[in-house]
Amino acid sequence: MNARCTLLAAVVLGLAGCAQQPITEHEATPVLEPGQQPSPAQSRAGDAAIFAMAQLGSPYKYGGTSPAGFDCSGLVRYSYGLVGVTLPRDTREQRKVTRRLEPDEDWTAGDLLFFRFGGKNGLHVGVWVGNGEFVHAPSSGGKVRVERFDAPHWQKRFIEARRVESAA
């Protein structure tokens, strides 16, 4: 297993210790089966998830696109930018350029989760890291952090999961 896969496995296993509730949906899907080589998309998306996790504790900043401060779409754009994938700056545009995952499709590290906030046009985005959790830059006064997807707060706001196909 290469170093990238080992690091991703360590991040996912480390997050498992934080789990407070059993995961009922979208169990952590192994990034790779034993002996399987990652596709370029799995490698880049998984790396983007690792880079997003590396920003834990960075402050929220409206319009922020760097470790000095992020908003939700800025964190996504920054993390994917580090793996050579350019995404739009705006959450709505990020949603438009990614592929919607069907309800029965497994999510993999790096998939984007979209949530509804503040009326019909308000959107929020986070990066799936597996094991029932995602990383995101919350609202003003917050810091980049990991959240449980199965928490009622997120469940009632969830719209869809999408995949960054250009990571291939």
C-alpha atoms as a PDB file:
ATOM      1  CA  MET A   1       0.000   0.000   0.000  1.00  0.00           C
ATOM      2  CA  ASN A   2       1.460   3.385  -0.885  1.00  0.00           C
ATOM      3  CA  ALA A   3       1.975   6.219   1.574  1.00  0.00           C
ATOM      4  CA  ARG A   4      -1.109   8.138   0.385  1.00  0.00           C
ATOM      5  CA  CYS A   5      -3.407   5.168   1.065  1.00  0.00           C
ATOM      6  CA  THR A   6      -1.743   4.566   4.424  1.00  0.00           C
ATOM      7  CA  LEU A   7      -2.282   8.220   5.419  1.00  0.00           C
ATOM      8  CA  LEU A   8      -5.932   8.143   4.320  1.00  0.00           C
ATOM      9  CA  ALA A   9      -6.485   4.917   6.266  1.00  0.00           C
ATOM     10  CA  ALA A  10      -4.934   6.535   9.355  1.00  0.00           C
ATOM     11  CA  VAL A  11      -7.225   9.567   9.042  1.00  0.00           C
ATOM     12  CA  VAL A  12     -10.334   7.398   8.635  1.00  0.00           C
ATOM     13  CA  LEU A  13      -9.336   5.108  11.518  1.00  0.00           C
ATOM     14  CA  GLY A  14      -8.562   8.115  13.697  1.00  0.00           C
ATOM     15  CA  LEU A  15     -12.012   9.496  12.992  1.00  0.00           C
ATOM     16  CA  ALA A  16     -13.556   6.166  13.987  1.00  0.00           C
ATOM     17  CA  GLY A  17     -12.543   6.871  17.562  1.00  0.00           C
ATOM     18  CA  CYS A  18     -14.725   9.996  17.520  1.00  0.00           C
ATOM     19  CA  ALA A  19     -17.890   8.145  16.526  1.00  0.00           C
ATOM     20  CA  GLN A  20     -20.659   8.567  19.067  1.00  0.00           C
ATOM     21  CA  GLN A  21     -23.512   6.799  17.263  1.00  0.00           C
ATOM     22  CA  PRO A  22     -23.648   3.728  15.043  1.00  0.00           C
ATOM     23  CA  ILE A  23     -23.549   4.538  11.369  1.00  0.00           C
ATOM     24  CA  THR A  24     -26.755   3.519   9.673  1.00  0.00           C
ATOM     25  CA  GLU A  25     -26.187   4.725   6.119  1.00  0.00           C
ATOM     26  CA  HIS A  26     -23.207   5.230   3.846  1.00  0.00           C
ATOM     27  CA  GLU A  27     -20.786   3.154   5.884  1.00  0.00           C
ATOM     28  CA  ALA A  28     -17.160   4.002   5.301  1.00  0.00           C
ATOM     29  CA  THR A  29     -16.282   2.344   2.038  1.00  0.00           C
ATOM     30  CA  PRO A  30     -12.682   1.190   1.878  1.00  0.00           C
ATOM     31  CA  VAL A  31     -10.817   3.422  -0.522  1.00  0.00           C
ATOM     32  CA  LEU A  32      -9.134   0.283  -1.884  1.00  0.00           C
ATOM     33  CA  GLU A  33      -9.657  -3.437  -1.647  1.00  0.00           C
ATOM     34  CA  PRO A  34      -6.526  -5.468  -0.788  1.00  0.00           C
ATOM     35  CA  GLY A  35      -4.241  -5.582  -3.813  1.00  0.00           C
ATOM     36  CA  GLN A  36      -6.277  -3.026  -5.789  1.00  0.00           C
ATOM     37  CA  GLN A  37      -4.537   0.050  -7.194  1.00  0.00           C
ATOM     38  CA  PRO A  38      -6.263   3.420  -6.812  1.00  0.00           C
ATOM     39  CA  SER A  39      -7.728   5.055  -9.858  1.00  0.00           C
ATOM     40  CA  PRO A  40      -6.535   8.619 -10.455  1.00  0.00           C
ATOM     41  CA  ALA A  41      -9.951   9.883  -9.267  1.00  0.00           C
ATOM     42  CA  GLN A  42      -9.764   7.896  -6.023  1.00  0.00           C
ATOM     43  CA  SER A  43      -6.223   9.121  -5.418  1.00  0.00           C
ATOM     44  CA  ARG A  44      -6.954  12.792  -6.034  1.00  0.00           C
ATOM     45  CA  ALA A  45     -10.304  12.867  -4.233  1.00  0.00           C
ATOM     46  CA  GLY A  46      -8.841  10.972  -1.267  1.00  0.00           C
ATOM     47  CA  ASP A  47      -5.909  13.366  -1.168  1.00  0.00           C
ATOM     48  CA  ALA A  48      -8.287  16.340  -1.297  1.00  0.00           C
ATOM     49  CA  ALA A  49     -10.103  14.898   1.738  1.00  0.00           C
ATOM     50  CA  ILE A  50      -6.763  14.560   3.548  1.00  0.00           C
ATOM     51  CA  PHE A  51      -5.865  18.163   2.707  1.00  0.00           C
ATOM     52  CA  ALA A  52      -9.273  19.327   3.980  1.00  0.00           C
ATOM     53  CA  MET A  53      -8.688  17.399   7.224  1.00  0.00           C
ATOM     54  CA  ALA A  54      -5.282  19.047   7.547  1.00  0.00           C
ATOM     55  CA  GLN A  55      -7.110  22.376   7.885  1.00  0.00           C
ATOM     56  CA  LEU A  56      -8.939  21.372  11.096  1.00  0.00           C
ATOM     57  CA  GLY A  57      -8.951  24.324  13.456  1.00  0.00           C
ATOM     58  CA  SER A  58      -8.491  26.967  10.740  1.00  0.00           C
ATOM     59  CA  PRO A  59     -10.839  29.888  11.412  1.00  0.00           C
ATOM     60  CA  TYR A  60     -14.007  30.582   9.437  1.00  0.00           C
ATOM     61  CA  LYS A  61     -13.745  33.664   7.261  1.00  0.00           C
ATOM     62  CA  TYR A  62     -16.450  34.727   4.836  1.00  0.00           C
ATOM     63  CA  GLY A  63     -14.899  34.559   1.370  1.00  0.00           C
ATOM     64  CA  GLY A  64     -11.808  32.884   2.825  1.00  0.00           C
ATOM     65  CA  THR A  65      -9.745  30.621   0.595  1.00  0.00           C
ATOM     66  CA  SER A  66      -6.601  29.920   2.640  1.00  0.00           C
ATOM     67  CA  PRO A  67      -5.541  28.448   5.991  1.00  0.00           C
ATOM     68  CA  ALA A  68      -5.738  32.006   7.364  1.00  0.00           C
ATOM     69  CA  GLY A  69      -9.523  31.589   7.046  1.00  0.00           C
ATOM     70  CA  PHE A  70     -12.004  29.539   5.001  1.00  0.00           C
ATOM     71  CA  ASP A  71     -15.656  29.565   4.149  1.00  0.00           C
ATOM     72  CA  CYS A  72     -17.206  26.271   3.059  1.00  0.00           C
ATOM     73  CA  SER A  73     -16.615  26.556  -0.685  1.00  0.00           C
ATOM     74  CA  GLY A  74     -13.182  28.071  -0.109  1.00  0.00           C
ATOM     75  CA  LEU A  75     -12.121  24.972   1.850  1.00  0.00           C
ATOM     76  CA  VAL A  76     -13.350  22.697  -0.947  1.00  0.00           C
ATOM     77  CA  ARG A  77     -11.652  24.750  -3.666  1.00  0.00           C
ATOM     78  CA  TYR A  78      -8.386  24.970  -1.691  1.00  0.00           C
ATOM     79  CA  SER A  79      -8.283  21.232  -0.914  1.00  0.00           C
ATOM     80  CA  TYR A  80      -8.977  20.188  -4.484  1.00  0.00           C
ATOM     81  CA  GLY A  81      -6.586  22.832  -5.797  1.00  0.00           C
ATOM     82  CA  LEU A  82      -3.756  21.157  -3.889  1.00  0.00           C
ATOM     83  CA  VAL A  83      -4.325  18.000  -5.968  1.00  0.00           C
ATOM     84  CA  GLY A  84      -4.438  19.891  -9.257  1.00  0.00           C
ATOM     85  CA  VAL A  85      -8.213  20.157  -9.674  1.00  0.00           C
ATOM     86  CA  THR A  86      -9.610  23.648 -10.181  1.00  0.00           C
ATOM     87  CA  LEU A  87     -13.159  24.054  -8.892  1.00  0.00           C
ATOM     88  CA  PRO A  88     -15.289  27.184  -9.030  1.00  0.00           C
ATOM     89  CA  ARG A  89     -15.229  29.489  -6.026  1.00  0.00           C
ATOM     90  CA  ASP A  90     -19.002  29.537  -5.437  1.00  0.00           C
ATOM     91  CA  THR A  91     -20.931  26.673  -3.772  1.00  0.00           C
ATOM     92  CA  ARG A  92     -23.688  26.742  -6.414  1.00  0.00           C
ATOM     93  CA  GLU A  93     -21.099  26.548  -9.181  1.00  0.00           C
ATOM     94  CA  GLN A  94     -19.294  23.685  -7.416  1.00  0.00           C
ATOM     95  CA  ARG A  95     -22.593  21.855  -7.350  1.00  0.00           C
ATOM     96  CA  LYS A  96     -23.101  22.444 -11.079  1.00  0.00           C
ATOM     97  CA  VAL A  97     -19.701  21.054 -12.133  1.00  0.00           C
ATOM     98  CA  THR A  98     -19.900  17.848 -10.098  1.00  0.00           C
ATOM     99  CA  ARG A  99     -21.841  14.637 -10.721  1.00  0.00           C
ATOM    100  CA  ARG A 100     -24.841  13.847  -8.530  1.00  0.00           C
ATOM    101  CA  LEU A 101     -24.480  10.505  -6.772  1.00  0.00           C
ATOM    102  CA  GLU A 102     -27.478   8.212  -6.829  1.00  0.00           C
ATOM    103  CA  PRO A 103     -28.932   7.318  -3.405  1.00  0.00           C
ATOM    104  CA  ASP A 104     -27.612   3.753  -3.677  1.00  0.00           C
ATOM    105  CA  GLU A 105     -24.067   4.767  -4.711  1.00  0.00           C
ATOM    106  CA  ASP A 106     -21.333   4.421  -2.122  1.00  0.00           C
ATOM    107  CA  TRP A 107     -19.605   7.598  -1.123  1.00  0.00           C
ATOM    108  CA  THR A 108     -15.823   7.788  -1.140  1.00  0.00           C
ATOM    109  CA  ALA A 109     -13.436  10.171   0.567  1.00  0.00           C
ATOM    110  CA  GLY A 110     -13.499  13.485  -1.249  1.00  0.00           C
ATOM    111  CA  ASP A 111     -17.153  13.389  -2.335  1.00  0.00           C
ATOM    112  CA  LEU A 112     -18.980  16.648  -1.678  1.00  0.00           C
ATOM    113  CA  LEU A 113     -22.076  16.898   0.521  1.00  0.00           C
ATOM    114  CA  PHE A 114     -24.476  19.758  -0.110  1.00  0.00           C
ATOM    115  CA  PHE A 115     -26.867  21.167   2.478  1.00  0.00           C
ATOM    116  CA  ARG A 116     -29.661  23.769   2.343  1.00  0.00           C
ATOM    117  CA  PHE A 117     -29.312  26.813   4.601  1.00  0.00           C
ATOM    118  CA  GLY A 118     -30.989  30.191   4.839  1.00  0.00           C
ATOM    119  CA  GLY A 119     -33.818  29.844   2.339  1.00  0.00           C
ATOM    120  CA  LYS A 120     -34.066  28.326  -1.095  1.00  0.00           C
ATOM    121  CA  ASN A 121     -30.797  29.765  -2.403  1.00  0.00           C
ATOM    122  CA  GLY A 122     -28.598  29.174   0.649  1.00  0.00           C
ATOM    123  CA  LEU A 123     -26.139  26.310   0.203  1.00  0.00           C
ATOM    124  CA  HIS A 124     -23.407  24.789   2.335  1.00  0.00           C
ATOM    125  CA  VAL A 125     -20.806  22.208   1.278  1.00  0.00           C
ATOM    126  CA  GLY A 126     -18.578  19.762   3.123  1.00  0.00           C
ATOM    127  CA  VAL A 127     -16.079  17.060   2.153  1.00  0.00           C
ATOM    128  CA  TRP A 128     -16.915  13.429   2.963  1.00  0.00           C
ATOM    129  CA  VAL A 129     -14.050  11.715   4.824  1.00  0.00           C
ATOM    130  CA  GLY A 130     -15.731   8.371   5.504  1.00  0.00           C
ATOM    131  CA  ASN A 131     -16.880   6.600   8.634  1.00  0.00           C
ATOM    132  CA  GLY A 132     -20.047   8.692   8.747  1.00  0.00           C
ATOM    133  CA  GLU A 133     -18.223  12.033   8.914  1.00  0.00           C
ATOM    134  CA  PHE A 134     -17.438  15.078   6.816  1.00  0.00           C
ATOM    135  CA  VAL A 135     -15.186  18.103   7.233  1.00  0.00           C
ATOM    136  CA  HIS A 136     -16.380  21.643   6.588  1.00  0.00           C
ATOM    137  CA  ALA A 137     -15.908  25.308   7.411  1.00  0.00           C
ATOM    138  CA  PRO A 138     -18.936  26.313   9.494  1.00  0.00           C
ATOM    139  CA  SER A 139     -20.420  29.752   9.981  1.00  0.00           C
ATOM    140  CA  SER A 140     -18.905  32.891  11.409  1.00  0.00           C
ATOM    141  CA  GLY A 141     -17.019  32.392  14.655  1.00  0.00           C
ATOM    142  CA  GLY A 142     -16.413  28.699  13.954  1.00  0.00           C
ATOM    143  CA  LYS A 143     -13.392  26.723  12.858  1.00  0.00           C
ATOM    144  CA  VAL A 144     -12.917  24.004  10.257  1.00  0.00           C
ATOM    145  CA  ARG A 145     -14.176  20.850  11.936  1.00  0.00           C
ATOM    146  CA  VAL A 146     -15.486  17.321  11.468  1.00  0.00           C
ATOM    147  CA  GLU A 147     -19.192  16.594  11.873  1.00  0.00           C
ATOM    148  CA  ARG A 148     -21.288  13.426  12.010  1.00  0.00           C
ATOM    149  CA  PHE A 149     -23.445  13.171   8.901  1.00  0.00           C
ATOM    150  CA  ASP A 150     -26.150  11.297  10.817  1.00  0.00           C
ATOM    151  CA  ALA A 151     -26.692  14.166  13.266  1.00  0.00           C
ATOM    152  CA  PRO A 152     -30.311  15.441  12.993  1.00  0.00           C
ATOM    153  CA  HIS A 153     -29.063  18.991  12.280  1.00  0.00           C
ATOM    154  CA  TRP A 154     -27.378  17.812   9.077  1.00  0.00           C
ATOM    155  CA  GLN A 155     -29.906  15.167   8.091  1.00  0.00           C
ATOM    156  CA  LYS A 156     -32.766  17.645   7.828  1.00  0.00           C
ATOM    157  CA  ARG A 157     -30.675  20.016   5.673  1.00  0.00           C
ATOM    158  CA  PHE A 158     -29.018  17.455   3.398  1.00  0.00           C
ATOM    159  CA  ILE A 159     -29.692  17.845  -0.336  1.00  0.00           C
ATOM    160  CA  GLU A 160     -27.327  15.477  -2.106  1.00  0.00           C
ATOM    161  CA  ALA A 161     -23.841  14.025  -2.464  1.00  0.00           C
ATOM    162  CA  ARG A 162     -21.809  14.821  -5.580  1.00  0.00           C
ATOM    163  CA  ARG A 163     -18.527  13.607  -7.026  1.00  0.00           C
ATOM    164  CA  VAL A 164     -15.736  15.682  -8.531  1.00  0.00           C
ATOM    165  CA  GLU A 165     -15.354  13.855 -11.844  1.00  0.00           C
ATOM    166  CA  SER A 166     -12.574  16.153 -13.014  1.00  0.00           C
ATOM    167  CA  ALA A 167     -10.371  14.552 -10.367  1.00  0.00           C
ATOM    168  CA  ALA A 168      -9.878  11.679 -12.855  1.00  0.00           C
END
